[in-house]
PDB file of N, CA and C in Angstrom:
ATOM      1  N   MET A   1      52.273  32.579  64.547  1.00  0.00           N
ATOM      2  CA  MET A   1      53.028  33.449  63.670  1.00  0.00           C
ATOM      3  C   MET A   1      54.379  32.829  63.328  1.00  0.00           C
ATOM      4  N   LYS A   2      55.035  32.228  64.324  1.00  0.00           N
ATOM      5  CA  LYS A   2      56.331  31.600  64.077  1.00  0.00           C
ATOM      6  C   LYS A   2      56.207  30.445  63.090  1.00  0.00           C
ATOM      7  N   LYS A   3      55.137  29.676  63.218  1.00  0.00           N
ATOM      8  CA  LYS A   3      54.923  28.556  62.307  1.00  0.00           C
ATOM      9  C   LYS A   3      54.741  29.065  60.878  1.00  0.00           C
ATOM     10  N   PHE A   4      54.006  30.165  60.728  1.00  0.00           N
ATOM     11  CA  PHE A   4      53.798  30.741  59.398  1.00  0.00           C
ATOM     12  C   PHE A   4      55.118  31.211  58.794  1.00  0.00           C
ATOM     13  N   LEU A   5      55.937  31.889  59.571  1.00  0.00           N
ATOM     14  CA  LEU A   5      57.234  32.362  59.077  1.00  0.00           C
ATOM     15  C   LEU A   5      58.145  31.194  58.727  1.00  0.00           C
ATOM     16  N   LEU A   6      58.113  30.158  59.536  1.00  0.00           N
ATOM     17  CA  LEU A   6      58.913  28.963  59.255  1.00  0.00           C
ATOM     18  C   LEU A   6      58.439  28.305  57.959  1.00  0.00           C
ATOM     19  N   PHE A   7      57.137  28.198  57.788  1.00  0.00           N
ATOM     20  CA  PHE A   7      56.570  27.626  56.564  1.00  0.00           C
ATOM     21  C   PHE A   7      56.939  28.475  55.355  1.00  0.00           C
ATOM     22  N   LEU A   8      56.814  29.776  55.467  1.00  0.00           N
ATOM     23  CA  LEU A   8      57.131  30.689  54.379  1.00  0.00           C
ATOM     24  C   LEU A   8      58.611  30.596  53.998  1.00  0.00           C
ATOM     25  N   THR A   9      59.483  30.539  54.975  1.00  0.00           N
ATOM     26  CA  THR A   9      60.921  30.393  54.720  1.00  0.00           C
ATOM     27  C   THR A   9      61.211  29.077  54.012  1.00  0.00           C
ATOM     28  N   ALA A  10      60.608  28.008  54.464  1.00  0.00           N
ATOM     29  CA  ALA A  10      60.812  26.696  53.839  1.00  0.00           C
ATOM     30  C   ALA A  10      60.298  26.699  52.404  1.00  0.00           C
ATOM     31  N   ALA A  11      59.173  27.336  52.163  1.00  0.00           N
ATOM     32  CA  ALA A  11      58.604  27.389  50.810  1.00  0.00           C
ATOM     33  C   ALA A  11      59.523  28.173  49.875  1.00  0.00           C
ATOM     34  N   ILE A  12      60.047  29.291  50.338  1.00  0.00           N
ATOM     35  CA  ILE A  12      60.957  30.089  49.521  1.00  0.00           C
ATOM     36  C   ILE A  12      62.227  29.305  49.210  1.00  0.00           C
ATOM     37  N   MET A  13      62.762  28.600  50.167  1.00  0.00           N
ATOM     38  CA  MET A  13      63.969  27.798  49.959  1.00  0.00           C
ATOM     39  C   MET A  13      63.697  26.684  48.947  1.00  0.00           C
ATOM     40  N   ALA A  14      62.534  26.070  49.025  1.00  0.00           N
ATOM     41  CA  ALA A  14      62.195  24.990  48.098  1.00  0.00           C
ATOM     42  C   ALA A  14      62.074  25.514  46.674  1.00  0.00           C
ATOM     43  N   VAL A  15      61.435  26.646  46.487  1.00  0.00           N
ATOM     44  CA  VAL A  15      61.279  27.226  45.152  1.00  0.00           C
ATOM     45  C   VAL A  15      62.640  27.603  44.595  1.00  0.00           C
ATOM     46  N   THR A  16      63.491  28.185  45.400  1.00  0.00           N
ATOM     47  CA  THR A  16      64.831  28.579  44.968  1.00  0.00           C
ATOM     48  C   THR A  16      65.661  27.362  44.585  1.00  0.00           C
ATOM     49  N   ALA A  17      65.538  26.292  45.328  1.00  0.00           N
ATOM     50  CA  ALA A  17      66.317  25.080  45.050  1.00  0.00           C
ATOM     51  C   ALA A  17      65.931  24.450  43.723  1.00  0.00           C
ATOM     52  N   PHE A  18      64.676  24.594  43.327  1.00  0.00           N
ATOM     53  CA  PHE A  18      64.216  23.963  42.104  1.00  0.00           C
ATOM     54  C   PHE A  18      64.199  24.904  40.896  1.00  0.00           C
ATOM     55  N   ALA A  19      64.573  26.152  41.098  1.00  0.00           N
ATOM     56  CA  ALA A  19      64.616  27.109  39.984  1.00  0.00           C
ATOM     57  C   ALA A  19      65.743  26.723  39.040  1.00  0.00           C
ATOM     58  N   LYS A  20      65.462  26.747  37.753  1.00  0.00           N
ATOM     59  CA  LYS A  20      66.456  26.374  36.753  1.00  0.00           C
ATOM     60  C   LYS A  20      66.803  27.591  35.919  1.00  0.00           C
ATOM     61  N   ASP A  21      68.037  27.590  35.479  1.00  0.00           N
ATOM     62  CA  ASP A  21      68.522  28.671  34.631  1.00  0.00           C
ATOM     63  C   ASP A  21      68.481  28.161  33.189  1.00  0.00           C
ATOM     64  N   ILE A  22      67.320  28.290  32.542  1.00  0.00           N
ATOM     65  CA  ILE A  22      67.126  27.794  31.184  1.00  0.00           C
ATOM     66  C   ILE A  22      67.554  28.879  30.199  1.00  0.00           C
ATOM     67  N   LYS A  23      68.434  28.509  29.277  1.00  0.00           N
ATOM     68  CA  LYS A  23      68.952  29.449  28.281  1.00  0.00           C
ATOM     69  C   LYS A  23      68.808  28.859  26.886  1.00  0.00           C
ATOM     70  N   THR A  24      68.918  29.730  25.898  1.00  0.00           N
ATOM     71  CA  THR A  24      68.883  29.324  24.498  1.00  0.00           C
ATOM     72  C   THR A  24      70.109  29.889  23.809  1.00  0.00           C
ATOM     73  N   VAL A  25      70.754  29.056  22.993  1.00  0.00           N
ATOM     74  CA  VAL A  25      71.904  29.506  22.203  1.00  0.00           C
ATOM     75  C   VAL A  25      71.711  29.032  20.767  1.00  0.00           C
ATOM     76  N   THR A  26      72.139  29.857  19.833  1.00  0.00           N
ATOM     77  CA  THR A  26      72.105  29.475  18.427  1.00  0.00           C
ATOM     78  C   THR A  26      73.526  29.529  17.882  1.00  0.00           C
ATOM     79  N   PHE A  27      73.936  28.424  17.267  1.00  0.00           N
ATOM     80  CA  PHE A  27      75.254  28.325  16.651  1.00  0.00           C
ATOM     81  C   PHE A  27      75.101  28.253  15.135  1.00  0.00           C
ATOM     82  N   THR A  28      76.110  28.759  14.432  1.00  0.00           N
ATOM     83  CA  THR A  28      76.288  28.411  13.030  1.00  0.00           C
ATOM     84  C   THR A  28      77.400  27.369  13.041  1.00  0.00           C
ATOM     85  N   VAL A  29      77.371  26.454  12.087  1.00  0.00           N
ATOM     86  CA  VAL A  29      78.367  25.384  12.084  1.00  0.00           C
ATOM     87  C   VAL A  29      79.136  25.351  10.779  1.00  0.00           C
ATOM     88  N   ASP A  30      80.375  24.900  10.893  1.00  0.00           N
ATOM     89  CA  ASP A  30      81.231  24.744   9.734  1.00  0.00           C
ATOM     90  C   ASP A  30      81.920  23.392   9.866  1.00  0.00           C
ATOM     91  N   PRO A  31      81.891  22.541   8.888  1.00  0.00           N
ATOM     92  CA  PRO A  31      81.372  22.704   7.538  1.00  0.00           C
ATOM     93  C   PRO A  31      79.846  22.769   7.538  1.00  0.00           C
ATOM     94  N   PRO A  32      79.283  23.297   6.454  1.00  0.00           N
ATOM     95  CA  PRO A  32      77.827  23.439   6.377  1.00  0.00           C
ATOM     96  C   PRO A  32      77.105  22.092   6.403  1.00  0.00           C
ATOM     97  N   MET A  33      75.905  22.106   6.981  1.00  0.00           N
ATOM     98  CA  MET A  33      75.033  20.932   6.918  1.00  0.00           C
ATOM     99  C   MET A  33      74.432  20.886   5.520  1.00  0.00           C
ATOM    100  N   HIS A  34      74.280  19.665   4.986  1.00  0.00           N
ATOM    101  CA  HIS A  34      73.755  19.522   3.630  1.00  0.00           C
ATOM    102  C   HIS A  34      72.358  18.907   3.557  1.00  0.00           C
ATOM    103  N   CYS A  35      71.998  18.143   4.593  1.00  0.00           N
ATOM    104  CA  CYS A  35      70.760  17.367   4.474  1.00  0.00           C
ATOM    105  C   CYS A  35      70.197  17.022   5.854  1.00  0.00           C
ATOM    106  N   GLU A  36      69.116  16.249   5.835  1.00  0.00           N
ATOM    107  CA  GLU A  36      68.485  15.808   7.080  1.00  0.00           C
ATOM    108  C   GLU A  36      69.399  14.884   7.883  1.00  0.00           C
ATOM    109  N   LYS A  37      70.249  14.131   7.205  1.00  0.00           N
ATOM    110  CA  LYS A  37      71.186  13.249   7.918  1.00  0.00           C
ATOM    111  C   LYS A  37      72.176  14.070   8.744  1.00  0.00           C
ATOM    112  N   CYS A  38      72.592  15.207   8.203  1.00  0.00           N
ATOM    113  CA  CYS A  38      73.482  16.104   8.955  1.00  0.00           C
ATOM    114  C   CYS A  38      72.769  16.625  10.203  1.00  0.00           C
ATOM    115  N   GLU A  39      71.515  17.033  10.035  1.00  0.00           N
ATOM    116  CA  GLU A  39      70.723  17.514  11.161  1.00  0.00           C
ATOM    117  C   GLU A  39      70.573  16.421  12.225  1.00  0.00           C
ATOM    118  N   ALA A  40      70.251  15.213  11.774  1.00  0.00           N
ATOM    119  CA  ALA A  40      70.056  14.090  12.698  1.00  0.00           C
ATOM    120  C   ALA A  40      71.353  13.748  13.431  1.00  0.00           C
ATOM    121  N   ARG A  41      72.468  13.825  12.738  1.00  0.00           N
ATOM    122  CA  ARG A  41      73.768  13.528  13.365  1.00  0.00           C
ATOM    123  C   ARG A  41      74.043  14.509  14.504  1.00  0.00           C
ATOM    124  N   ILE A  42      73.770  15.762  14.274  1.00  0.00           N
ATOM    125  CA  ILE A  42      73.979  16.777  15.310  1.00  0.00           C
ATOM    126  C   ILE A  42      73.038  16.532  16.491  1.00  0.00           C
ATOM    127  N   LYS A  43      71.763  16.306  16.196  1.00  0.00           N
ATOM    128  CA  LYS A  43      70.790  16.059  17.268  1.00  0.00           C
ATOM    129  C   LYS A  43      71.161  14.826  18.084  1.00  0.00           C
ATOM    130  N   ASN A  44      71.590  13.765  17.407  1.00  0.00           N
ATOM    131  CA  ASN A  44      71.951  12.532  18.107  1.00  0.00           C
ATOM    132  C   ASN A  44      73.181  12.718  18.986  1.00  0.00           C
ATOM    133  N   GLN A  45      74.126  13.542  18.569  1.00  0.00           N
ATOM    134  CA  GLN A  45      75.311  13.799  19.386  1.00  0.00           C
ATOM    135  C   GLN A  45      74.954  14.626  20.618  1.00  0.00           C
ATOM    136  N   LEU A  46      74.170  15.664  20.428  1.00  0.00           N
ATOM    137  CA  LEU A  46      73.883  16.590  21.520  1.00  0.00           C
ATOM    138  C   LEU A  46      72.884  16.054  22.538  1.00  0.00           C
ATOM    139  N   LYS A  47      72.049  15.108  22.141  1.00  0.00           N
ATOM    140  CA  LYS A  47      71.029  14.629  23.084  1.00  0.00           C
ATOM    141  C   LYS A  47      71.627  13.948  24.311  1.00  0.00           C
ATOM    142  N   PHE A  48      72.896  13.582  24.257  1.00  0.00           N
ATOM    143  CA  PHE A  48      73.545  12.936  25.401  1.00  0.00           C
ATOM    144  C   PHE A  48      74.192  13.935  26.351  1.00  0.00           C
ATOM    145  N   GLU A  49      74.244  15.187  25.958  1.00  0.00           N
ATOM    146  CA  GLU A  49      74.809  16.235  26.820  1.00  0.00           C
ATOM    147  C   GLU A  49      73.813  16.523  27.945  1.00  0.00           C
ATOM    148  N   LYS A  50      74.296  16.600  29.178  1.00  0.00           N
ATOM    149  CA  LYS A  50      73.425  16.883  30.317  1.00  0.00           C
ATOM    150  C   LYS A  50      72.795  18.256  30.174  1.00  0.00           C
ATOM    151  N   GLY A  51      71.550  18.366  30.572  1.00  0.00           N
ATOM    152  CA  GLY A  51      70.866  19.651  30.626  1.00  0.00           C
ATOM    153  C   GLY A  51      70.174  20.091  29.353  1.00  0.00           C
ATOM    154  N   ILE A  52      70.262  19.297  28.285  1.00  0.00           N
ATOM    155  CA  ILE A  52      69.631  19.682  27.022  1.00  0.00           C
ATOM    156  C   ILE A  52      68.119  19.528  27.143  1.00  0.00           C
ATOM    157  N   LYS A  53      67.402  20.577  26.789  1.00  0.00           N
ATOM    158  CA  LYS A  53      65.940  20.547  26.801  1.00  0.00           C
ATOM    159  C   LYS A  53      65.384  20.330  25.399  1.00  0.00           C
ATOM    160  N   SER A  54      65.975  20.997  24.399  1.00  0.00           N
ATOM    161  CA  SER A  54      65.552  20.790  23.019  1.00  0.00           C
ATOM    162  C   SER A  54      66.666  21.207  22.068  1.00  0.00           C
ATOM    163  N   ILE A  55      66.628  20.612  20.865  1.00  0.00           N
ATOM    164  CA  ILE A  55      67.633  20.876  19.838  1.00  0.00           C
ATOM    165  C   ILE A  55      66.901  21.059  18.510  1.00  0.00           C
ATOM    166  N   ASP A  56      67.269  22.109  17.796  1.00  0.00           N
ATOM    167  CA  ASP A  56      66.741  22.312  16.452  1.00  0.00           C
ATOM    168  C   ASP A  56      67.924  22.556  15.529  1.00  0.00           C
ATOM    169  N   ALA A  57      68.174  21.612  14.642  1.00  0.00           N
ATOM    170  CA  ALA A  57      69.237  21.765  13.647  1.00  0.00           C
ATOM    171  C   ALA A  57      68.573  22.013  12.300  1.00  0.00           C
ATOM    172  N   SER A  58      69.008  23.058  11.609  1.00  0.00           N
ATOM    173  CA  SER A  58      68.397  23.424  10.337  1.00  0.00           C
ATOM    174  C   SER A  58      69.467  23.545   9.251  1.00  0.00           C
ATOM    175  N   ALA A  59      69.436  22.617   8.295  1.00  0.00           N
ATOM    176  CA  ALA A  59      70.357  22.686   7.170  1.00  0.00           C
ATOM    177  C   ALA A  59      70.014  23.881   6.289  1.00  0.00           C
ATOM    178  N   GLU A  60      68.745  24.205   6.219  1.00  0.00           N
ATOM    179  CA  GLU A  60      68.302  25.336   5.403  1.00  0.00           C
ATOM    180  C   GLU A  60      68.874  26.659   5.929  1.00  0.00           C
ATOM    181  N   LYS A  61      68.811  26.854   7.250  1.00  0.00           N
ATOM    182  CA  LYS A  61      69.299  28.089   7.863  1.00  0.00           C
ATOM    183  C   LYS A  61      70.767  27.999   8.277  1.00  0.00           C
ATOM    184  N   GLN A  62      71.317  26.784   8.262  1.00  0.00           N
ATOM    185  CA  GLN A  62      72.692  26.534   8.707  1.00  0.00           C
ATOM    186  C   GLN A  62      72.888  26.936  10.172  1.00  0.00           C
ATOM    187  N   THR A  63      71.885  26.593  11.000  1.00  0.00           N
ATOM    188  CA  THR A  63      71.957  26.911  12.422  1.00  0.00           C
ATOM    189  C   THR A  63      71.593  25.707  13.274  1.00  0.00           C
ATOM    190  N   VAL A  64      72.095  25.733  14.498  1.00  0.00           N
ATOM    191  CA  VAL A  64      71.720  24.758  15.523  1.00  0.00           C
ATOM    192  C   VAL A  64      71.282  25.581  16.729  1.00  0.00           C
ATOM    193  N   THR A  65      70.016  25.443  17.117  1.00  0.00           N
ATOM    194  CA  THR A  65      69.481  26.175  18.264  1.00  0.00           C
ATOM    195  C   THR A  65      69.226  25.177  19.381  1.00  0.00           C
ATOM    196  N   ILE A  66      69.757  25.494  20.556  1.00  0.00           N
ATOM    197  CA  ILE A  66      69.683  24.576  21.691  1.00  0.00           C
ATOM    198  C   ILE A  66      69.112  25.304  22.893  1.00  0.00           C
ATOM    199  N   VAL A  67      68.124  24.690  23.528  1.00  0.00           N
ATOM    200  CA  VAL A  67      67.593  25.165  24.800  1.00  0.00           C
ATOM    201  C   VAL A  67      68.181  24.237  25.855  1.00  0.00           C
ATOM    202  N   TYR A  68      68.825  24.834  26.873  1.00  0.00           N
ATOM    203  CA  TYR A  68      69.545  24.019  27.849  1.00  0.00           C
ATOM    204  C   TYR A  68      69.475  24.613  29.248  1.00  0.00           C
ATOM    205  N   ASP A  69      69.766  23.766  30.222  1.00  0.00           N
ATOM    206  CA  ASP A  69      69.831  24.175  31.624  1.00  0.00           C
ATOM    207  C   ASP A  69      71.270  24.605  31.903  1.00  0.00           C
ATOM    208  N   ALA A  70      71.466  25.891  32.132  1.00  0.00           N
ATOM    209  CA  ALA A  70      72.810  26.439  32.330  1.00  0.00           C
ATOM    210  C   ALA A  70      73.466  25.947  33.616  1.00  0.00           C
ATOM    211  N   ASP A  71      72.689  25.351  34.524  1.00  0.00           N
ATOM    212  CA  ASP A  71      73.267  24.770  35.727  1.00  0.00           C
ATOM    213  C   ASP A  71      73.953  23.435  35.431  1.00  0.00           C
ATOM    214  N   LYS A  72      73.644  22.837  34.280  1.00  0.00           N
ATOM    215  CA  LYS A  72      74.170  21.512  33.951  1.00  0.00           C
ATOM    216  C   LYS A  72      75.152  21.508  32.786  1.00  0.00           C
ATOM    217  N   THR A  73      75.099  22.518  31.930  1.00  0.00           N
ATOM    218  CA  THR A  73      76.009  22.570  30.791  1.00  0.00           C
ATOM    219  C   THR A  73      76.257  24.026  30.411  1.00  0.00           C
ATOM    220  N   SER A  74      77.091  24.238  29.414  1.00  0.00           N
ATOM    221  CA  SER A  74      77.423  25.599  28.987  1.00  0.00           C
ATOM    222  C   SER A  74      77.565  25.629  27.464  1.00  0.00           C
ATOM    223  N   THR A  75      77.632  26.827  26.915  1.00  0.00           N
ATOM    224  CA  THR A  75      77.820  26.936  25.476  1.00  0.00           C
ATOM    225  C   THR A  75      79.164  26.346  25.065  1.00  0.00           C
ATOM    226  N   ALA A  76      80.165  26.486  25.914  1.00  0.00           N
ATOM    227  CA  ALA A  76      81.484  25.921  25.602  1.00  0.00           C
ATOM    228  C   ALA A  76      81.420  24.394  25.518  1.00  0.00           C
ATOM    229  N   LYS A  77      80.722  23.760  26.439  1.00  0.00           N
ATOM    230  CA  LYS A  77      80.579  22.299  26.409  1.00  0.00           C
ATOM    231  C   LYS A  77      79.795  21.851  25.183  1.00  0.00           C
ATOM    232  N   LEU A  78      78.789  22.627  24.815  1.00  0.00           N
ATOM    233  CA  LEU A  78      78.001  22.283  23.636  1.00  0.00           C
ATOM    234  C   LEU A  78      78.862  22.397  22.375  1.00  0.00           C
ATOM    235  N   ALA A  79      79.695  23.420  22.310  1.00  0.00           N
ATOM    236  CA  ALA A  79      80.597  23.589  21.164  1.00  0.00           C
ATOM    237  C   ALA A  79      81.594  22.430  21.081  1.00  0.00           C
ATOM    238  N   VAL A  80      82.085  21.970  22.223  1.00  0.00           N
ATOM    239  CA  VAL A  80      83.005  20.824  22.252  1.00  0.00           C
ATOM    240  C   VAL A  80      82.293  19.573  21.765  1.00  0.00           C
ATOM    241  N   SER A  81      81.049  19.403  22.161  1.00  0.00           N
ATOM    242  CA  SER A  81      80.269  18.251  21.725  1.00  0.00           C
ATOM    243  C   SER A  81      80.088  18.256  20.208  1.00  0.00           C
ATOM    244  N   LEU A  82      79.873  19.419  19.631  1.00  0.00           N
ATOM    245  CA  LEU A  82      79.766  19.529  18.171  1.00  0.00           C
ATOM    246  C   LEU A  82      81.114  19.258  17.505  1.00  0.00           C
ATOM    247  N   LYS A  83      82.185  19.694  18.138  1.00  0.00           N
ATOM    248  CA  LYS A  83      83.533  19.489  17.597  1.00  0.00           C
ATOM    249  C   LYS A  83      83.852  17.996  17.487  1.00  0.00           C
ATOM    250  N   LYS A  84      83.332  17.195  18.418  1.00  0.00           N
ATOM    251  CA  LYS A  84      83.576  15.742  18.416  1.00  0.00           C
ATOM    252  C   LYS A  84      83.078  15.072  17.140  1.00  0.00           C
ATOM    253  N   ILE A  85      82.078  15.678  16.489  1.00  0.00           N
ATOM    254  CA  ILE A  85      81.564  15.076  15.252  1.00  0.00           C
ATOM    255  C   ILE A  85      81.968  15.892  14.022  1.00  0.00           C
ATOM    256  N   GLY A  86      82.940  16.772  14.205  1.00  0.00           N
ATOM    257  CA  GLY A  86      83.525  17.446  13.057  1.00  0.00           C
ATOM    258  C   GLY A  86      82.967  18.808  12.703  1.00  0.00           C
ATOM    259  N   TYR A  87      82.183  19.412  13.595  1.00  0.00           N
ATOM    260  CA  TYR A  87      81.612  20.730  13.320  1.00  0.00           C
ATOM    261  C   TYR A  87      82.236  21.778  14.233  1.00  0.00           C
ATOM    262  N   THR A  88      82.660  22.878  13.659  1.00  0.00           N
ATOM    263  CA  THR A  88      83.112  24.020  14.443  1.00  0.00           C
ATOM    264  C   THR A  88      81.906  24.923  14.656  1.00  0.00           C
ATOM    265  N   ALA A  89      81.589  25.157  15.907  1.00  0.00           N
ATOM    266  CA  ALA A  89      80.401  25.949  16.253  1.00  0.00           C
ATOM    267  C   ALA A  89      80.797  27.389  16.577  1.00  0.00           C
ATOM    268  N   THR A  90      80.053  28.313  15.991  1.00  0.00           N
ATOM    269  CA  THR A  90      80.242  29.730  16.268  1.00  0.00           C
ATOM    270  C   THR A  90      78.932  30.271  16.795  1.00  0.00           C
ATOM    271  N   LYS A  91      78.996  30.888  17.975  1.00  0.00           N
ATOM    272  CA  LYS A  91      77.782  31.419  18.578  1.00  0.00           C
ATOM    273  C   LYS A  91      77.253  32.574  17.744  1.00  0.00           C
ATOM    274  N   LYS A  92      75.984  32.470  17.376  1.00  0.00           N
ATOM    275  CA  LYS A  92      75.334  33.490  16.564  1.00  0.00           C
ATOM    276  C   LYS A  92      74.829  34.608  17.462  1.00  0.00           C
ATOM    277  N   LYS A  93      75.000  35.839  17.026  1.00  0.00           N
ATOM    278  CA  LYS A  93      74.574  36.987  17.837  1.00  0.00           C
ATOM    279  C   LYS A  93      73.157  37.370  17.539  1.00  0.00           C
TER     280      LYS A  93
END
């Protein structure tokens, strides 16, 4: 019984240690994106940010949607990363 409880405790600790806090945020950007090159520029800048899982930049919708690991980055860091290439990011509700 003790071995089972020890195993169960270890398994729970392992699952908790590997659990990730995956979040999604959508920003609108200013100045507006005009073309695919604008989208690519944003994607290329953000891909170096730690914790990024996926990026969707849409010139048509004027949005940037990012799936990220909240344990490694934050919306504030992502906004700063966009600011480095000249875009002011506003979190969309």
